[in-house]
Amino acid sequence: MSDALPTEVVPIEVETAADFAMATGADESVIADLQQYRSYLEDWNQKMNLVGPSTLDIFWSRHAWDSAQILPLEPQALTWADLGAGAGLPGIVLAILQKNRPGFHIHLVESMAKRCRFLTEVVTALNLPATIHNSRAEDLSLTVDIVTARACAPMTRLLGYAQPYLKRGATALFLKGQDVAAEMEEASKSWTFEAEVLPSFSDARGRIVRVRKLRRGR
C-alpha cells in the first residue's frame, strides 16, 4: 500500500454552469443535460434521500465538478462501472460528458430498486450511454477499464466490492474525503494493494485514490 498524501493543490472554483464549462470544456448540450439532471435530482429528492438537500444549491461544485474531475485521469478509458451509483454520482455526470464519444459506456451498479428507477428515468430521458444494474457490485461479471465509486463505503468494504473488476483488469478511481489515510490504513489490515492518492480539484479536503493491484490478505 502507498499511503503518501498528495501535494496540496488549490481547488478550481466552480460555482455556476459557466464556471463548469470553463473548467471542463463542456458545450451547451452538455450543460443543458446537466441542468435537466439537476432538475431530476431536485424532484426525486423530495421522494427519497438521494443527496443532501443543501448540496443541490451548490450542484456545480459539489456534484458536477467533483464527478467530472476524474475523467482526465484516465483519458483513454471507454468502459466504466460506478459502484453504489445511488443518485448517479459520478456515473451520470460522466455519461453526460462522454455522451457523444464513440464506444463510451458506463455501468451504473445499484442494489436499491427505487434508486435504480431514478437512474433509469434519467438515463432514458437524456439518452445516455449507460446500463443500470439492480445488483450487488460483487455479484456482477463485468469487464471494464475503470471502476469508480463516490460516498459508497469505507475503503475496506469498497475494495471487496471492486475486487472482481480489478481481477479482470480494471483500474479503480475512488472519490474520497479527508479521512482517506485512516481508511487506507484500516484497509491494509485485510488487503494488499497499490494505491496512489491524488488531490481533488473540487474540494481541498477531498482525495482521489487510484488502485491498480489488489489481493486479499497482507
Protein backbone atom coordinates (compact mmCIF):
# COMPACT_ATOMS: atom_id res chain seq x y z
CA MET A 1 0.00 0.00 0.00
CA SER A 2 1.14 3.54 -0.73
CA ASP A 3 -0.08 5.90 1.96
CA ALA A 4 1.66 9.07 0.85
CA LEU A 5 -0.68 12.03 0.71
CA PRO A 6 -0.59 14.30 -2.33
CA THR A 7 0.88 17.73 -2.55
CA GLU A 8 -1.82 20.25 -1.78
CA VAL A 9 -3.42 21.96 -4.77
CA VAL A 10 -5.68 24.95 -4.96
CA PRO A 11 -9.18 23.75 -5.92
CA ILE A 12 -10.73 25.23 -9.04
CA GLU A 13 -13.77 27.28 -8.04
CA VAL A 14 -16.84 26.12 -9.93
CA GLU A 15 -19.97 27.87 -8.73
CA THR A 16 -22.01 28.20 -11.91
CA ALA A 17 -22.71 26.44 -15.19
CA ALA A 18 -20.36 28.88 -16.89
CA ASP A 19 -17.59 28.01 -14.42
CA PHE A 20 -18.17 24.32 -15.10
CA ALA A 21 -17.96 24.87 -18.85
CA MET A 22 -14.71 26.77 -18.40
CA ALA A 23 -13.20 24.04 -16.21
CA THR A 24 -14.22 21.09 -18.38
CA GLY A 25 -14.72 22.46 -21.90
CA ALA A 26 -18.36 21.32 -21.79
CA ASP A 27 -20.54 22.64 -24.63
CA GLU A 28 -24.12 23.92 -24.45
CA SER A 29 -25.67 20.49 -24.96
CA VAL A 30 -23.71 19.07 -22.00
CA ILE A 31 -24.74 21.98 -19.78
CA ALA A 32 -28.37 21.52 -20.82
CA ASP A 33 -28.25 17.81 -19.92
CA LEU A 34 -26.66 18.60 -16.56
CA GLN A 35 -29.34 21.20 -15.87
CA GLN A 36 -32.01 18.61 -16.62
CA TYR A 37 -30.25 16.06 -14.42
CA ARG A 38 -30.21 18.61 -11.60
CA SER A 39 -33.96 19.07 -12.03
CA TYR A 40 -34.48 15.31 -11.73
CA LEU A 41 -32.41 15.27 -8.56
CA GLU A 42 -34.48 18.09 -7.06
CA ASP A 43 -37.75 16.37 -7.97
CA TRP A 44 -36.83 12.86 -6.81
CA ASN A 45 -35.05 14.12 -3.70
CA GLN A 46 -38.47 15.05 -2.35
CA LYS A 47 -39.48 11.38 -2.53
CA MET A 48 -36.28 9.68 -1.41
CA ASN A 49 -32.89 10.53 0.04
CA LEU A 50 -30.60 10.82 -2.98
CA VAL A 51 -28.34 13.71 -1.96
CA GLY A 52 -28.27 16.15 0.91
CA PRO A 53 -30.89 18.82 0.10
CA SER A 54 -28.46 21.65 0.84
CA THR A 55 -25.98 20.30 -1.72
CA LEU A 56 -28.40 21.00 -4.56
CA ASP A 57 -27.69 24.70 -4.08
CA ILE A 58 -24.03 24.01 -4.82
CA PHE A 59 -24.70 21.44 -7.53
CA TRP A 60 -21.99 22.64 -9.92
CA SER A 61 -19.15 22.35 -7.42
CA ARG A 62 -20.33 19.62 -5.06
CA HIS A 63 -21.72 17.21 -7.63
CA ALA A 64 -20.96 18.10 -11.26
CA TRP A 65 -17.36 19.28 -10.94
CA ASP A 66 -16.47 16.80 -8.19
CA SER A 67 -17.56 13.97 -10.51
CA ALA A 68 -16.14 15.37 -13.75
CA GLN A 69 -12.61 15.86 -12.43
CA ILE A 70 -11.81 12.13 -12.63
CA LEU A 71 -12.26 11.88 -16.41
CA PRO A 72 -8.86 13.41 -17.34
CA LEU A 73 -7.12 10.93 -15.02
CA GLU A 74 -7.85 8.06 -17.42
CA PRO A 75 -8.49 9.76 -20.78
CA GLN A 76 -8.31 6.56 -22.86
CA ALA A 77 -10.86 4.63 -20.79
CA LEU A 78 -14.09 3.80 -22.62
CA THR A 79 -15.87 1.39 -20.27
CA TRP A 80 -16.63 2.30 -16.68
CA ALA A 81 -18.56 0.86 -13.72
CA ASP A 82 -19.93 3.14 -10.99
CA LEU A 83 -20.44 1.06 -7.84
CA GLY A 84 -23.23 2.05 -5.49
CA ALA A 85 -24.34 4.54 -8.13
CA GLY A 86 -27.18 5.87 -5.97
CA ALA A 87 -28.01 9.34 -7.25
CA GLY A 88 -25.79 8.84 -10.29
CA LEU A 89 -22.63 10.43 -8.95
CA PRO A 90 -20.21 10.28 -10.56
CA GLY A 91 -21.73 7.94 -13.19
CA ILE A 92 -24.49 10.11 -14.67
CA VAL A 93 -22.19 13.13 -14.88
CA LEU A 94 -19.54 11.04 -16.69
CA ALA A 95 -22.17 9.66 -19.09
CA ILE A 96 -23.38 13.16 -19.91
CA LEU A 97 -19.85 14.42 -20.54
CA GLN A 98 -18.99 11.43 -22.76
CA LYS A 99 -22.42 11.05 -24.37
CA ASN A 100 -21.19 11.58 -27.90
CA ARG A 101 -17.86 9.78 -27.57
CA PRO A 102 -17.84 6.64 -29.75
CA GLY A 103 -17.53 3.47 -27.71
CA PHE A 104 -18.08 5.05 -24.30
CA HIS A 105 -20.34 3.16 -21.88
CA ILE A 106 -20.85 3.20 -18.14
CA HIS A 107 -22.49 0.58 -15.94
CA LEU A 108 -24.45 2.04 -13.03
CA VAL A 109 -24.50 -0.58 -10.30
CA GLU A 110 -27.04 -0.06 -7.53
CA SER A 111 -28.61 -2.60 -5.14
CA MET A 112 -31.66 -0.49 -4.18
CA ALA A 113 -34.52 -0.85 -6.67
CA LYS A 114 -36.03 2.58 -6.04
CA ARG A 115 -32.73 4.28 -6.83
CA CYS A 116 -32.49 2.19 -9.98
CA ARG A 117 -35.88 3.60 -11.02
CA PHE A 118 -34.46 7.10 -10.66
CA LEU A 119 -31.35 6.21 -12.65
CA THR A 120 -33.43 4.55 -15.37
CA GLU A 121 -35.60 7.64 -15.75
CA VAL A 122 -32.59 9.94 -16.11
CA VAL A 123 -30.69 7.64 -18.49
CA THR A 124 -33.79 7.22 -20.69
CA ALA A 125 -34.73 10.90 -20.71
CA LEU A 126 -31.21 12.05 -21.58
CA ASN A 127 -30.44 9.12 -23.89
CA LEU A 128 -27.21 8.34 -22.07
CA PRO A 129 -24.69 5.58 -22.89
CA ALA A 130 -25.35 3.73 -19.64
CA THR A 131 -26.77 0.44 -18.34
CA ILE A 132 -28.41 0.17 -14.92
CA HIS A 133 -27.80 -2.99 -12.89
CA ASN A 134 -30.07 -3.61 -9.90
CA SER A 135 -27.48 -5.80 -8.22
CA ARG A 136 -24.75 -6.00 -5.64
CA ALA A 137 -21.47 -4.90 -7.19
CA GLU A 138 -19.59 -8.08 -6.29
CA ASP A 139 -22.25 -10.29 -7.89
CA LEU A 140 -21.71 -8.97 -11.42
CA SER A 141 -19.23 -10.22 -14.01
CA LEU A 142 -18.38 -7.03 -15.84
CA THR A 143 -15.14 -6.29 -17.62
CA VAL A 144 -14.41 -2.56 -17.66
CA ASP A 145 -11.46 -0.20 -17.93
CA ILE A 146 -12.31 1.79 -14.81
CA VAL A 147 -14.30 1.11 -11.68
CA THR A 148 -15.31 4.12 -9.61
CA ALA A 149 -17.35 5.00 -6.55
CA ARG A 150 -18.27 8.07 -4.53
CA ALA A 151 -19.67 8.04 -0.99
CA CYS A 152 -20.25 4.30 -1.35
CA ALA A 153 -18.48 2.60 1.56
CA PRO A 154 -15.33 2.70 3.70
CA MET A 155 -12.23 1.58 1.83
CA THR A 156 -12.11 -1.92 3.36
CA ARG A 157 -15.59 -2.80 2.08
CA LEU A 158 -15.17 -0.83 -1.13
CA LEU A 159 -12.12 -2.88 -2.10
CA GLY A 160 -14.20 -6.01 -1.60
CA TYR A 161 -16.83 -4.67 -3.98
CA ALA A 162 -14.19 -3.70 -6.53
CA GLN A 163 -12.01 -6.81 -6.36
CA PRO A 164 -13.80 -8.76 -9.14
CA TYR A 165 -13.39 -5.81 -11.52
CA LEU A 166 -9.71 -5.33 -10.72
CA LYS A 167 -9.09 -9.06 -11.19
CA ARG A 168 -10.41 -8.63 -14.74
CA GLY A 169 -8.02 -5.76 -15.45
CA ALA A 170 -9.80 -2.63 -14.25
CA THR A 171 -8.17 0.33 -12.53
CA ALA A 172 -10.07 1.92 -9.63
CA LEU A 173 -10.66 5.64 -9.14
CA PHE A 174 -12.39 6.29 -5.83
CA LEU A 175 -13.58 9.71 -4.72
CA LYS A 176 -12.81 10.01 -1.02
CA GLY A 177 -12.83 12.58 1.79
CA GLN A 178 -10.33 13.86 4.29
CA ASP A 179 -10.23 10.61 6.28
CA VAL A 180 -8.74 8.65 3.40
CA ALA A 181 -5.42 7.97 5.15
CA ALA A 182 -7.16 6.32 8.09
CA GLU A 183 -9.41 4.36 5.72
CA MET A 184 -6.43 3.07 3.77
CA GLU A 185 -4.58 2.12 6.94
CA GLU A 186 -7.58 0.13 8.12
CA ALA A 187 -7.99 -1.48 4.68
CA SER A 188 -4.35 -2.58 4.72
CA LYS A 189 -5.20 -4.95 7.59
CA SER A 190 -7.32 -7.02 5.18
CA TRP A 191 -5.95 -6.19 1.75
CA THR A 192 -2.66 -5.80 -0.12
CA PHE A 193 -2.93 -3.10 -2.77
CA GLU A 194 -1.03 -0.48 -4.72
CA ALA A 195 -2.63 2.92 -4.41
CA GLU A 196 -1.87 6.47 -5.46
CA VAL A 197 -3.57 9.26 -3.55
CA LEU A 198 -4.31 12.28 -5.74
CA PRO A 199 -5.58 15.72 -4.77
CA SER A 200 -9.12 16.80 -5.50
CA PHE A 201 -9.66 19.88 -7.65
CA SER A 202 -13.18 20.39 -6.31
CA ASP A 203 -12.52 20.35 -2.55
CA ALA A 204 -9.27 20.88 -0.66
CA ARG A 205 -10.37 18.19 1.81
CA GLY A 206 -11.08 15.61 -0.88
CA ARG A 207 -8.86 12.93 -2.36
CA ILE A 208 -8.96 10.59 -5.35
CA VAL A 209 -7.49 7.14 -4.79
CA ARG A 210 -6.23 5.21 -7.81
CA VAL A 211 -5.86 1.47 -7.13
CA ARG A 212 -4.26 -0.80 -9.71
CA LYS A 213 -3.37 -4.03 -7.91
CA LEU A 214 -5.40 -5.72 -5.20
CA ARG A 215 -5.44 -9.02 -3.39
CA ARG A 216 -6.92 -10.18 -0.13
CA GLY A 217 -4.60 -10.55 2.85
CA ARG A 218 -1.45 -8.75 3.91
